[in-house]
Amino acid sequence: MDSVSKALTAIADSYSAEEGEFGIKEYVSHHLETLPAEYWITQLGTSAPTPTQVINLLVLRDKWENEEVYDFTLPGDVTDYVMSVSFNDDGTIQQITMES
């Protein structure tokens, strides 16, 4: 599994874990509250997506130069927030955080 796929899987898995409370759970709830229904209808065909649907929309925005850190965001340049996933030198995930 490549690093991008591994990072996206880890983000999704963290939703049901305690560490996701101030990460992906906050990211999802913030965007469900702030983005208009039209955005969700355009992206997903529904005005009330599930958290899983929101998480599955995440796309790679950036990979930090000289570091194994990947930033993911929603498509369409609709937010300044990203879900950032950093890897240790051995390829294990070190941290998943919401950043702005």
PDB file of N, CA and C in Angstrom:
ATOM      1  N   MET A   1       0.858  -1.180   0.000  1.00  0.00           N
ATOM      2  CA  MET A   1       0.000   0.000   0.000  1.00  0.00           C
ATOM      3  C   MET A   1       0.901   1.238   0.000  1.00  0.00           C
ATOM      4  N   ASP A   2       0.620   2.186  -0.893  1.00  0.00           N
ATOM      5  CA  ASP A   2       1.436   3.403  -0.934  1.00  0.00           C
ATOM      6  C   ASP A   2       1.095   4.324   0.239  1.00  0.00           C
ATOM      7  N   SER A   3       1.921   5.328   0.450  1.00  0.00           N
ATOM      8  CA  SER A   3       1.770   6.226   1.606  1.00  0.00           C
ATOM      9  C   SER A   3       0.461   6.995   1.584  1.00  0.00           C
ATOM     10  N   VAL A   4       0.008   7.423   0.411  1.00  0.00           N
ATOM     11  CA  VAL A   4      -1.245   8.172   0.325  1.00  0.00           C
ATOM     12  C   VAL A   4      -2.412   7.282   0.738  1.00  0.00           C
ATOM     13  N   SER A   5      -2.469   6.075   0.206  1.00  0.00           N
ATOM     14  CA  SER A   5      -3.536   5.142   0.572  1.00  0.00           C
ATOM     15  C   SER A   5      -3.482   4.784   2.053  1.00  0.00           C
ATOM     16  N   LYS A   6      -2.280   4.576   2.548  1.00  0.00           N
ATOM     17  CA  LYS A   6      -2.092   4.254   3.966  1.00  0.00           C
ATOM     18  C   LYS A   6      -2.575   5.405   4.845  1.00  0.00           C
ATOM     19  N   ALA A   7      -2.270   6.626   4.452  1.00  0.00           N
ATOM     20  CA  ALA A   7      -2.687   7.808   5.214  1.00  0.00           C
ATOM     21  C   ALA A   7      -4.207   7.958   5.202  1.00  0.00           C
ATOM     22  N   LEU A   8      -4.831   7.784   4.048  1.00  0.00           N
ATOM     23  CA  LEU A   8      -6.288   7.904   3.960  1.00  0.00           C
ATOM     24  C   LEU A   8      -6.990   6.822   4.782  1.00  0.00           C
ATOM     25  N   THR A   9      -6.455   5.618   4.761  1.00  0.00           N
ATOM     26  CA  THR A   9      -7.013   4.537   5.573  1.00  0.00           C
ATOM     27  C   THR A   9      -6.892   4.870   7.052  1.00  0.00           C
ATOM     28  N   ALA A  10      -5.747   5.406   7.452  1.00  0.00           N
ATOM     29  CA  ALA A  10      -5.537   5.772   8.853  1.00  0.00           C
ATOM     30  C   ALA A  10      -6.479   6.889   9.288  1.00  0.00           C
ATOM     31  N   ILE A  11      -6.721   7.857   8.417  1.00  0.00           N
ATOM     32  CA  ILE A  11      -7.676   8.933   8.732  1.00  0.00           C
ATOM     33  C   ILE A  11      -9.053   8.328   8.969  1.00  0.00           C
ATOM     34  N   ALA A  12      -9.487   7.476   8.057  1.00  0.00           N
ATOM     35  CA  ALA A  12     -10.812   6.846   8.193  1.00  0.00           C
ATOM     36  C   ALA A  12     -10.888   6.015   9.472  1.00  0.00           C
ATOM     37  N   ASP A  13      -9.855   5.242   9.758  1.00  0.00           N
ATOM     38  CA  ASP A  13      -9.836   4.407  10.964  1.00  0.00           C
ATOM     39  C   ASP A  13      -9.850   5.240  12.239  1.00  0.00           C
ATOM     40  N   SER A  14      -9.243   6.420  12.191  1.00  0.00           N
ATOM     41  CA  SER A  14      -9.165   7.253  13.397  1.00  0.00           C
ATOM     42  C   SER A  14     -10.522   7.854  13.769  1.00  0.00           C
ATOM     43  N   TYR A  15     -11.473   7.862  12.823  1.00  0.00           N
ATOM     44  CA  TYR A  15     -12.787   8.438  13.118  1.00  0.00           C
ATOM     45  C   TYR A  15     -13.456   7.719  14.286  1.00  0.00           C
ATOM     46  N   SER A  16     -13.309   6.413  14.353  1.00  0.00           N
ATOM     47  CA  SER A  16     -13.960   5.650  15.422  1.00  0.00           C
ATOM     48  C   SER A  16     -13.058   5.467  16.643  1.00  0.00           C
ATOM     49  N   ALA A  17     -11.881   6.046  16.615  1.00  0.00           N
ATOM     50  CA  ALA A  17     -10.949   5.930  17.732  1.00  0.00           C
ATOM     51  C   ALA A  17     -10.945   7.212  18.566  1.00  0.00           C
ATOM     52  N   GLU A  18     -10.511   7.089  19.795  1.00  0.00           N
ATOM     53  CA  GLU A  18     -10.483   8.241  20.703  1.00  0.00           C
ATOM     54  C   GLU A  18      -9.644   9.389  20.157  1.00  0.00           C
ATOM     55  N   GLU A  19      -8.527   9.072  19.516  1.00  0.00           N
ATOM     56  CA  GLU A  19      -7.649  10.130  18.998  1.00  0.00           C
ATOM     57  C   GLU A  19      -8.289  10.928  17.866  1.00  0.00           C
ATOM     58  N   GLY A  20      -9.374  10.423  17.296  1.00  0.00           N
ATOM     59  CA  GLY A  20     -10.049  11.149  16.229  1.00  0.00           C
ATOM     60  C   GLY A  20     -10.926  12.286  16.706  1.00  0.00           C
ATOM     61  N   GLU A  21     -11.142  12.366  18.015  1.00  0.00           N
ATOM     62  CA  GLU A  21     -12.069  13.369  18.549  1.00  0.00           C
ATOM     63  C   GLU A  21     -11.715  14.793  18.143  1.00  0.00           C
ATOM     64  N   PHE A  22     -10.436  15.137  18.197  1.00  0.00           N
ATOM     65  CA  PHE A  22     -10.024  16.495  17.839  1.00  0.00           C
ATOM     66  C   PHE A  22      -9.293  16.510  16.495  1.00  0.00           C
ATOM     67  N   GLY A  23      -9.510  15.479  15.718  1.00  0.00           N
ATOM     68  CA  GLY A  23      -8.922  15.373  14.394  1.00  0.00           C
ATOM     69  C   GLY A  23     -10.011  15.259  13.361  1.00  0.00           C
ATOM     70  N   ILE A  24     -10.191  14.038  12.856  1.00  0.00           N
ATOM     71  CA  ILE A  24     -11.135  13.840  11.768  1.00  0.00           C
ATOM     72  C   ILE A  24     -12.585  14.069  12.201  1.00  0.00           C
ATOM     73  N   LYS A  25     -12.940  13.752  13.420  1.00  0.00           N
ATOM     74  CA  LYS A  25     -14.317  14.010  13.867  1.00  0.00           C
ATOM     75  C   LYS A  25     -14.611  15.507  13.844  1.00  0.00           C
ATOM     76  N   GLU A  26     -13.672  16.294  14.323  1.00  0.00           N
ATOM     77  CA  GLU A  26     -13.850  17.742  14.311  1.00  0.00           C
ATOM     78  C   GLU A  26     -13.868  18.271  12.877  1.00  0.00           C
ATOM     79  N   TYR A  27     -12.993  17.739  12.034  1.00  0.00           N
ATOM     80  CA  TYR A  27     -12.937  18.144  10.629  1.00  0.00           C
ATOM     81  C   TYR A  27     -14.287  17.889   9.951  1.00  0.00           C
ATOM     82  N   VAL A  28     -14.800  16.674  10.109  1.00  0.00           N
ATOM     83  CA  VAL A  28     -16.072  16.314   9.481  1.00  0.00           C
ATOM     84  C   VAL A  28     -17.212  17.171  10.019  1.00  0.00           C
ATOM     85  N   SER A  29     -17.337  17.271  11.324  1.00  0.00           N
ATOM     86  CA  SER A  29     -18.462  18.032  11.887  1.00  0.00           C
ATOM     87  C   SER A  29     -18.386  19.506  11.497  1.00  0.00           C
ATOM     88  N   HIS A  30     -17.190  20.065  11.499  1.00  0.00           N
ATOM     89  CA  HIS A  30     -17.031  21.478  11.098  1.00  0.00           C
ATOM     90  C   HIS A  30     -17.534  21.686   9.666  1.00  0.00           C
ATOM     91  N   HIS A  31     -17.129  20.822   8.766  1.00  0.00           N
ATOM     92  CA  HIS A  31     -17.503  21.016   7.372  1.00  0.00           C
ATOM     93  C   HIS A  31     -18.964  20.677   7.103  1.00  0.00           C
ATOM     94  N   LEU A  32     -19.517  19.724   7.819  1.00  0.00           N
ATOM     95  CA  LEU A  32     -20.956  19.456   7.678  1.00  0.00           C
ATOM     96  C   LEU A  32     -21.779  20.653   8.143  1.00  0.00           C
ATOM     97  N   GLU A  33     -21.290  21.369   9.147  1.00  0.00           N
ATOM     98  CA  GLU A  33     -21.999  22.540   9.671  1.00  0.00           C
ATOM     99  C   GLU A  33     -21.805  23.783   8.806  1.00  0.00           C
ATOM    100  N   THR A  34     -20.640  23.929   8.181  1.00  0.00           N
ATOM    101  CA  THR A  34     -20.328  25.200   7.522  1.00  0.00           C
ATOM    102  C   THR A  34     -20.497  25.209   6.009  1.00  0.00           C
ATOM    103  N   LEU A  35     -20.344  24.086   5.363  1.00  0.00           N
ATOM    104  CA  LEU A  35     -20.479  24.085   3.907  1.00  0.00           C
ATOM    105  C   LEU A  35     -21.956  23.999   3.517  1.00  0.00           C
ATOM    106  N   PRO A  36     -22.336  24.694   2.466  1.00  0.00           N
ATOM    107  CA  PRO A  36     -23.747  24.697   2.062  1.00  0.00           C
ATOM    108  C   PRO A  36     -24.188  23.344   1.500  1.00  0.00           C
ATOM    109  N   ALA A  37     -25.470  23.089   1.583  1.00  0.00           N
ATOM    110  CA  ALA A  37     -26.041  21.839   1.080  1.00  0.00           C
ATOM    111  C   ALA A  37     -25.703  21.629  -0.394  1.00  0.00           C
ATOM    112  N   GLU A  38     -25.616  22.713  -1.161  1.00  0.00           N
ATOM    113  CA  GLU A  38     -25.310  22.608  -2.583  1.00  0.00           C
ATOM    114  C   GLU A  38     -23.958  21.940  -2.825  1.00  0.00           C
ATOM    115  N   TYR A  39     -22.991  22.207  -1.953  1.00  0.00           N
ATOM    116  CA  TYR A  39     -21.671  21.577  -2.099  1.00  0.00           C
ATOM    117  C   TYR A  39     -21.799  20.061  -1.975  1.00  0.00           C
ATOM    118  N   TRP A  40     -22.502  19.628  -0.940  1.00  0.00           N
ATOM    119  CA  TRP A  40     -22.642  18.187  -0.700  1.00  0.00           C
ATOM    120  C   TRP A  40     -23.452  17.528  -1.815  1.00  0.00           C
ATOM    121  N   ILE A  41     -24.479  18.219  -2.304  1.00  0.00           N
ATOM    122  CA  ILE A  41     -25.286  17.671  -3.401  1.00  0.00           C
ATOM    123  C   ILE A  41     -24.427  17.498  -4.650  1.00  0.00           C
ATOM    124  N   THR A  42     -23.620  18.500  -4.959  1.00  0.00           N
ATOM    125  CA  THR A  42     -22.739  18.428  -6.124  1.00  0.00           C
ATOM    126  C   THR A  42     -21.717  17.305  -5.982  1.00  0.00           C
ATOM    127  N   GLN A  43     -21.125  17.183  -4.811  1.00  0.00           N
ATOM    128  CA  GLN A  43     -20.063  16.195  -4.602  1.00  0.00           C
ATOM    129  C   GLN A  43     -20.588  14.781  -4.394  1.00  0.00           C
ATOM    130  N   LEU A  44     -21.707  14.667  -3.665  1.00  0.00           N
ATOM    131  CA  LEU A  44     -22.155  13.345  -3.225  1.00  0.00           C
ATOM    132  C   LEU A  44     -23.598  12.995  -3.577  1.00  0.00           C
ATOM    133  N   GLY A  45     -24.339  13.963  -4.104  1.00  0.00           N
ATOM    134  CA  GLY A  45     -25.715  13.697  -4.459  1.00  0.00           C
ATOM    135  C   GLY A  45     -26.676  13.701  -3.285  1.00  0.00           C
ATOM    136  N   THR A  46     -26.233  14.235  -2.161  1.00  0.00           N
ATOM    137  CA  THR A  46     -27.087  14.323  -0.975  1.00  0.00           C
ATOM    138  C   THR A  46     -26.756  15.595  -0.211  1.00  0.00           C
ATOM    139  N   SER A  47     -27.754  16.162   0.442  1.00  0.00           N
ATOM    140  CA  SER A  47     -27.510  17.372   1.239  1.00  0.00           C
ATOM    141  C   SER A  47     -27.077  17.033   2.656  1.00  0.00           C
ATOM    142  N   ALA A  48     -27.168  15.761   3.023  1.00  0.00           N
ATOM    143  CA  ALA A  48     -26.812  15.328   4.385  1.00  0.00           C
ATOM    144  C   ALA A  48     -25.931  14.084   4.326  1.00  0.00           C
ATOM    145  N   PRO A  49     -24.649  14.265   3.962  1.00  0.00           N
ATOM    146  CA  PRO A  49     -23.767  13.103   3.849  1.00  0.00           C
ATOM    147  C   PRO A  49     -23.408  12.508   5.212  1.00  0.00           C
ATOM    148  N   THR A  50     -23.028  11.263   5.174  1.00  0.00           N
ATOM    149  CA  THR A  50     -22.542  10.601   6.380  1.00  0.00           C
ATOM    150  C   THR A  50     -21.073  10.985   6.594  1.00  0.00           C
ATOM    151  N   PRO A  51     -20.571  10.823   7.804  1.00  0.00           N
ATOM    152  CA  PRO A  51     -19.141  11.069   8.018  1.00  0.00           C
ATOM    153  C   PRO A  51     -18.252  10.250   7.077  1.00  0.00           C
ATOM    154  N   THR A  52     -18.623   9.011   6.829  1.00  0.00           N
ATOM    155  CA  THR A  52     -17.830   8.171   5.929  1.00  0.00           C
ATOM    156  C   THR A  52     -17.787   8.760   4.527  1.00  0.00           C
ATOM    157  N   GLN A  53     -18.902   9.282   4.052  1.00  0.00           N
ATOM    158  CA  GLN A  53     -18.918   9.911   2.730  1.00  0.00           C
ATOM    159  C   GLN A  53     -17.998  11.124   2.684  1.00  0.00           C
ATOM    160  N   VAL A  54     -18.000  11.919   3.748  1.00  0.00           N
ATOM    161  CA  VAL A  54     -17.118  13.096   3.805  1.00  0.00           C
ATOM    162  C   VAL A  54     -15.661  12.651   3.797  1.00  0.00           C
ATOM    163  N   ILE A  55     -15.340  11.675   4.612  1.00  0.00           N
ATOM    164  CA  ILE A  55     -13.958  11.176   4.681  1.00  0.00           C
ATOM    165  C   ILE A  55     -13.516  10.628   3.324  1.00  0.00           C
ATOM    166  N   ASN A  56     -14.395   9.925   2.644  1.00  0.00           N
ATOM    167  CA  ASN A  56     -14.048   9.350   1.350  1.00  0.00           C
ATOM    168  C   ASN A  56     -13.859  10.397   0.251  1.00  0.00           C
ATOM    169  N   LEU A  57     -14.270  11.630   0.509  1.00  0.00           N
ATOM    170  CA  LEU A  57     -14.052  12.721  -0.452  1.00  0.00           C
ATOM    171  C   LEU A  57     -12.639  13.310  -0.374  1.00  0.00           C
ATOM    172  N   LEU A  58     -11.952  13.075   0.722  1.00  0.00           N
ATOM    173  CA  LEU A  58     -10.648  13.709   0.918  1.00  0.00           C
ATOM    174  C   LEU A  58      -9.690  13.411  -0.234  1.00  0.00           C
ATOM    175  N   VAL A  59      -8.987  14.461  -0.648  1.00  0.00           N
ATOM    176  CA  VAL A  59      -7.996  14.356  -1.716  1.00  0.00           C
ATOM    177  C   VAL A  59      -6.673  14.937  -1.222  1.00  0.00           C
ATOM    178  N   LEU A  60      -5.589  14.467  -1.810  1.00  0.00           N
ATOM    179  CA  LEU A  60      -4.263  14.966  -1.445  1.00  0.00           C
ATOM    180  C   LEU A  60      -4.113  16.406  -1.909  1.00  0.00           C
ATOM    181  N   ARG A  61      -3.783  17.281  -0.979  1.00  0.00           N
ATOM    182  CA  ARG A  61      -3.529  18.681  -1.327  1.00  0.00           C
ATOM    183  C   ARG A  61      -2.031  18.912  -1.501  1.00  0.00           C
ATOM    184  N   ASP A  62      -1.229  18.297  -0.621  1.00  0.00           N
ATOM    185  CA  ASP A  62       0.194  18.591  -0.630  1.00  0.00           C
ATOM    186  C   ASP A  62       0.970  17.505   0.100  1.00  0.00           C
ATOM    187  N   LYS A  63       2.194  17.283  -0.337  1.00  0.00           N
ATOM    188  CA  LYS A  63       3.149  16.474   0.401  1.00  0.00           C
ATOM    189  C   LYS A  63       4.307  17.399   0.737  1.00  0.00           C
ATOM    190  N   TRP A  64       4.664  17.441   2.017  1.00  0.00           N
ATOM    191  CA  TRP A  64       5.719  18.354   2.438  1.00  0.00           C
ATOM    192  C   TRP A  64       7.053  17.928   1.829  1.00  0.00           C
ATOM    193  N   GLU A  65       7.788  18.905   1.353  1.00  0.00           N
ATOM    194  CA  GLU A  65       9.091  18.637   0.782  1.00  0.00           C
ATOM    195  C   GLU A  65      10.051  18.179   1.876  1.00  0.00           C
ATOM    196  N   ASN A  66      10.812  17.142   1.589  1.00  0.00           N
ATOM    197  CA  ASN A  66      11.824  16.581   2.497  1.00  0.00           C
ATOM    198  C   ASN A  66      11.255  15.962   3.767  1.00  0.00           C
ATOM    199  N   GLU A  67       9.954  15.778   3.845  1.00  0.00           N
ATOM    200  CA  GLU A  67       9.337  15.142   5.007  1.00  0.00           C
ATOM    201  C   GLU A  67       8.226  14.228   4.530  1.00  0.00           C
ATOM    202  N   GLU A  68       7.931  13.223   5.322  1.00  0.00           N
ATOM    203  CA  GLU A  68       6.831  12.315   5.011  1.00  0.00           C
ATOM    204  C   GLU A  68       5.567  12.802   5.702  1.00  0.00           C
ATOM    205  N   VAL A  69       5.066  13.948   5.246  1.00  0.00           N
ATOM    206  CA  VAL A  69       3.836  14.538   5.768  1.00  0.00           C
ATOM    207  C   VAL A  69       2.923  14.816   4.575  1.00  0.00           C
ATOM    208  N   TYR A  70       1.692  14.343   4.693  1.00  0.00           N
ATOM    209  CA  TYR A  70       0.710  14.485   3.624  1.00  0.00           C
ATOM    210  C   TYR A  70      -0.494  15.257   4.150  1.00  0.00           C
ATOM    211  N   ASP A  71      -0.946  16.238   3.379  1.00  0.00           N
ATOM    212  CA  ASP A  71      -2.120  17.035   3.740  1.00  0.00           C
ATOM    213  C   ASP A  71      -3.270  16.711   2.792  1.00  0.00           C
ATOM    214  N   PHE A  72      -4.435  16.423   3.384  1.00  0.00           N
ATOM    215  CA  PHE A  72      -5.630  16.080   2.624  1.00  0.00           C
ATOM    216  C   PHE A  72      -6.717  17.101   2.903  1.00  0.00           C
ATOM    217  N   THR A  73      -7.544  17.356   1.892  1.00  0.00           N
ATOM    218  CA  THR A  73      -8.613  18.330   2.027  1.00  0.00           C
ATOM    219  C   THR A  73      -9.806  17.897   1.185  1.00  0.00           C
ATOM    220  N   LEU A  74     -10.864  18.658   1.280  1.00  0.00           N
ATOM    221  CA  LEU A  74     -12.035  18.416   0.441  1.00  0.00           C
ATOM    222  C   LEU A  74     -11.814  19.016  -0.939  1.00  0.00           C
ATOM    223  N   PRO A  75     -12.371  18.414  -1.977  1.00  0.00           N
ATOM    224  CA  PRO A  75     -12.194  18.952  -3.328  1.00  0.00           C
ATOM    225  C   PRO A  75     -12.923  20.281  -3.518  1.00  0.00           C
ATOM    226  N   GLY A  76     -12.392  21.064  -4.445  1.00  0.00           N
ATOM    227  CA  GLY A  76     -13.074  22.286  -4.834  1.00  0.00           C
ATOM    228  C   GLY A  76     -12.609  23.538  -4.121  1.00  0.00           C
ATOM    229  N   ASP A  77     -11.502  23.496  -3.420  1.00  0.00           N
ATOM    230  CA  ASP A  77     -10.965  24.690  -2.764  1.00  0.00           C
ATOM    231  C   ASP A  77     -12.019  25.377  -1.890  1.00  0.00           C
ATOM    232  N   VAL A  78     -12.708  24.586  -1.051  1.00  0.00           N
ATOM    233  CA  VAL A  78     -13.789  25.110  -0.224  1.00  0.00           C
ATOM    234  C   VAL A  78     -13.390  25.313   1.240  1.00  0.00           C
ATOM    235  N   THR A  79     -12.138  24.974   1.595  1.00  0.00           N
ATOM    236  CA  THR A  79     -11.719  25.081   2.982  1.00  0.00           C
ATOM    237  C   THR A  79     -10.217  25.316   3.074  1.00  0.00           C
ATOM    238  N   ASP A  80      -9.818  25.952   4.154  1.00  0.00           N
ATOM    239  CA  ASP A  80      -8.393  26.125   4.448  1.00  0.00           C
ATOM    240  C   ASP A  80      -7.889  25.026   5.376  1.00  0.00           C
ATOM    241  N   TYR A  81      -8.793  24.192   5.868  1.00  0.00           N
ATOM    242  CA  TYR A  81      -8.418  23.125   6.797  1.00  0.00           C
ATOM    243  C   TYR A  81      -7.954  21.884   6.053  1.00  0.00           C
ATOM    244  N   VAL A  82      -6.975  21.212   6.645  1.00  0.00           N
ATOM    245  CA  VAL A  82      -6.480  19.954   6.097  1.00  0.00           C
ATOM    246  C   VAL A  82      -6.381  18.927   7.206  1.00  0.00           C
ATOM    247  N   MET A  83      -6.413  17.678   6.785  1.00  0.00           N
ATOM    248  CA  MET A  83      -6.062  16.576   7.671  1.00  0.00           C
ATOM    249  C   MET A  83      -4.627  16.226   7.317  1.00  0.00           C
ATOM    250  N   SER A  84      -3.737  16.371   8.284  1.00  0.00           N
ATOM    251  CA  SER A  84      -2.316  16.172   8.062  1.00  0.00           C
ATOM    252  C   SER A  84      -1.885  14.847   8.692  1.00  0.00           C
ATOM    253  N   VAL A  85      -1.201  14.032   7.900  1.00  0.00           N
ATOM    254  CA  VAL A  85      -0.723  12.731   8.360  1.00  0.00           C
ATOM    255  C   VAL A  85       0.793  12.712   8.223  1.00  0.00           C
ATOM    256  N   SER A  86       1.473  12.458   9.347  1.00  0.00           N
ATOM    257  CA  SER A  86       2.929  12.391   9.317  1.00  0.00           C
ATOM    258  C   SER A  86       3.393  10.973   9.630  1.00  0.00           C
ATOM    259  N   PHE A  87       4.454  10.565   8.921  1.00  0.00           N
ATOM    260  CA  PHE A  87       5.033   9.238   9.054  1.00  0.00           C
ATOM    261  C   PHE A  87       6.406   9.331   9.720  1.00  0.00           C
ATOM    262  N   ASN A  88       6.751   8.316  10.503  1.00  0.00           N
ATOM    263  CA  ASN A  88       8.105   8.177  11.044  1.00  0.00           C
ATOM    264  C   ASN A  88       9.034   7.728   9.920  1.00  0.00           C
ATOM    265  N   ASP A  89      10.334   7.721  10.213  1.00  0.00           N
ATOM    266  CA  ASP A  89      11.313   7.273   9.226  1.00  0.00           C
ATOM    267  C   ASP A  89      11.109   5.825   8.810  1.00  0.00           C
ATOM    268  N   ASP A  90      10.511   5.016   9.694  1.00  0.00           N
ATOM    269  CA  ASP A  90      10.296   3.603   9.363  1.00  0.00           C
ATOM    270  C   ASP A  90       8.975   3.358   8.636  1.00  0.00           C
ATOM    271  N   GLY A  91       8.245   4.429   8.306  1.00  0.00           N
ATOM    272  CA  GLY A  91       7.021   4.302   7.536  1.00  0.00           C
ATOM    273  C   GLY A  91       5.758   4.103   8.350  1.00  0.00           C
ATOM    274  N   THR A  92       5.854   4.156   9.681  1.00  0.00           N
ATOM    275  CA  THR A  92       4.650   4.063  10.500  1.00  0.00           C
ATOM    276  C   THR A  92       4.081   5.457  10.720  1.00  0.00           C
ATOM    277  N   ILE A  93       2.779   5.507  10.881  1.00  0.00           N
ATOM    278  CA  ILE A  93       2.128   6.796  11.070  1.00  0.00           C
ATOM    279  C   ILE A  93       2.414   7.311  12.471  1.00  0.00           C
ATOM    280  N   GLN A  94       2.899   8.527  12.524  1.00  0.00           N
ATOM    281  CA  GLN A  94       3.257   9.171  13.781  1.00  0.00           C
ATOM    282  C   GLN A  94       2.092   9.974  14.335  1.00  0.00           C
ATOM    283  N   GLN A  95       1.407  10.711  13.468  1.00  0.00           N
ATOM    284  CA  GLN A  95       0.382  11.623  13.948  1.00  0.00           C
ATOM    285  C   GLN A  95      -0.617  11.946  12.846  1.00  0.00           C
ATOM    286  N   ILE A  96      -1.880  12.123  13.249  1.00  0.00           N
ATOM    287  CA  ILE A  96      -2.940  12.587  12.357  1.00  0.00           C
ATOM    288  C   ILE A  96      -3.579  13.789  13.037  1.00  0.00           C
ATOM    289  N   THR A  97      -3.532  14.935  12.397  1.00  0.00           N
ATOM    290  CA  THR A  97      -4.067  16.143  13.003  1.00  0.00           C
ATOM    291  C   THR A  97      -4.846  16.969  11.988  1.00  0.00           C
ATOM    292  N   MET A  98      -5.736  17.800  12.513  1.00  0.00           N
ATOM    293  CA  MET A  98      -6.423  18.781  11.687  1.00  0.00           C
ATOM    294  C   MET A  98      -5.621  20.075  11.787  1.00  0.00           C
ATOM    295  N   GLU A  99      -5.291  20.653  10.658  1.00  0.00           N
ATOM    296  CA  GLU A  99      -4.491  21.881  10.597  1.00  0.00           C
ATOM    297  C   GLU A  99      -5.223  22.917   9.743  1.00  0.00           C
ATOM    298  N   SER A 100      -4.849  24.169   9.951  1.00  0.00           N
ATOM    299  CA  SER A 100      -5.393  25.222   9.085  1.00  0.00           C
ATOM    300  C   SER A 100      -4.276  26.043   8.494  1.00  0.00           C
TER     301      SER A 100
END
